[in-house]
Amino acid sequence: MTRLGIDLRIIHYAKTGFYRYAQGLLTALEGAATRDREVLLLRHPEDCGHALPGSHLREVAVKTPVFDAAEGPRLRAELDPLQLDMIHFPFSLFPYRAAPRVILTVHDLTCLRFPHFIEPQYLPFYREALRQAGQADRIMTPSNRVAVELAEAGVPREKIRACYPTTPFEDGYAGRDAQDPKLVDRTLLDRLDRHPYILCVGSLEPRKNHGAALEAFTHFRQSSRERSRLVFAGWHGWSMESFFETLRHSPIGDDVYLVRNANDATLRALFRHCQLFLNLSLYEGFGLPVLEALAQGACVLSTPTPSLLESGFPAEGLLDSNDTTAAARRISELMADPGARRNLAVRSRDAVGAFYRACNPNRLIDLYS
């Protein structure tokens, strides 16, 4: 029997896009456990006990933390006894060759293209991980764009495969608790229900460009009679002092909500009830929150993330991340026209959903074969 290990330790330390990616990965992995293949989920001890109900996946507690100077030797001591035939490091980290065959996912090249967007203490780890990426037997990227960027960075092209992550358009993606109405934060939803709101989802960090979203919303509010609100849902990250300072002195600061720990059910409700979903991110390897919004029927305005450019997203839904005046103008047009919002939402969802449903559902499993 082949033993496949999946390193999921990082989701204990970073409740960011990695966590959302892991939810889809777990669903896809259900098809990887067969009579001839055992799948071991390598997790932080506190995260064990959360496999999908009825799962054939086996959890293994791993104490070695990520981003640790001694991570390689410590991880070796824990993993060598497992005698893995294959290991997948799904979060760009490659501590050591833990099995005869190593698969690595590189989500983006932020450490090369925008190193100032990464916390300084973690930058050496990301750069070293990228340097070692070429040693993997197979390298997965979440989009064709990242595959090209990785090859341009010197990684052998024959090792790279674009493998779109499991998306919200595929059954079972949303997480086991997403459908449970008892888990929705009704207090938050009731407060937001009094006025229309625009939603931004993503960790509060410079790359997500939330400062530009706040500026565009401020321009929009200055020309609007409606007291709409802006909601930022995401983990509070780093280097956002200027954003919080601007928010403290903003004349519309009372109408900006920061939601730090929305569970799956609450996040799904936020997507469904927002008037607009706004994404002005400066760089994405894929851009999963945009697809989550589309899957829930939201009208989306976004910068051209790979997931949109490669899927046929309508051009009238795309924005320039640096032009907040134009973004405010487009927000005003759509907020004033419910019919236009519905039309754009339907066309966007149909185009993007059709693209991802047509993707081979076994693409991840094929890479393990």
Foldseek 3Di string as FASTA:
>chain_A
DAEEEEEPACCVPDVFVSVLLVLLVLVLCQVQDDPVYAYEYEYAVVPPPARDPPGSHHYDHQNQHPLDPCRLVSRLVVQQVVQHQEYEHEDLADSDPSHPAYEYEDAAPCLPPPVVQDDVSCSVRNVVSLVCNLVHQAYEYQFVVRLVVSVVVPRDSVRYDYDHGRAPLDPSSLGPCQPPPVQAPVVVVVVQVVFAEEEEEGEPTVQQLVLLVVVLVLLLVVVDPGLYAYEYEEAHDDDCVVVVVCLVPDPSNVRYYYHYDGDSNNVLVCLQRHAEYETLGNAGSADRVQRSSLSNLFQYAYADYRLQVVQPQDPLSYDHSVCSNVVSVSVNVSVVDVVVRNVSSVVRSVRSSVRVVPPDSCVVSVVVD
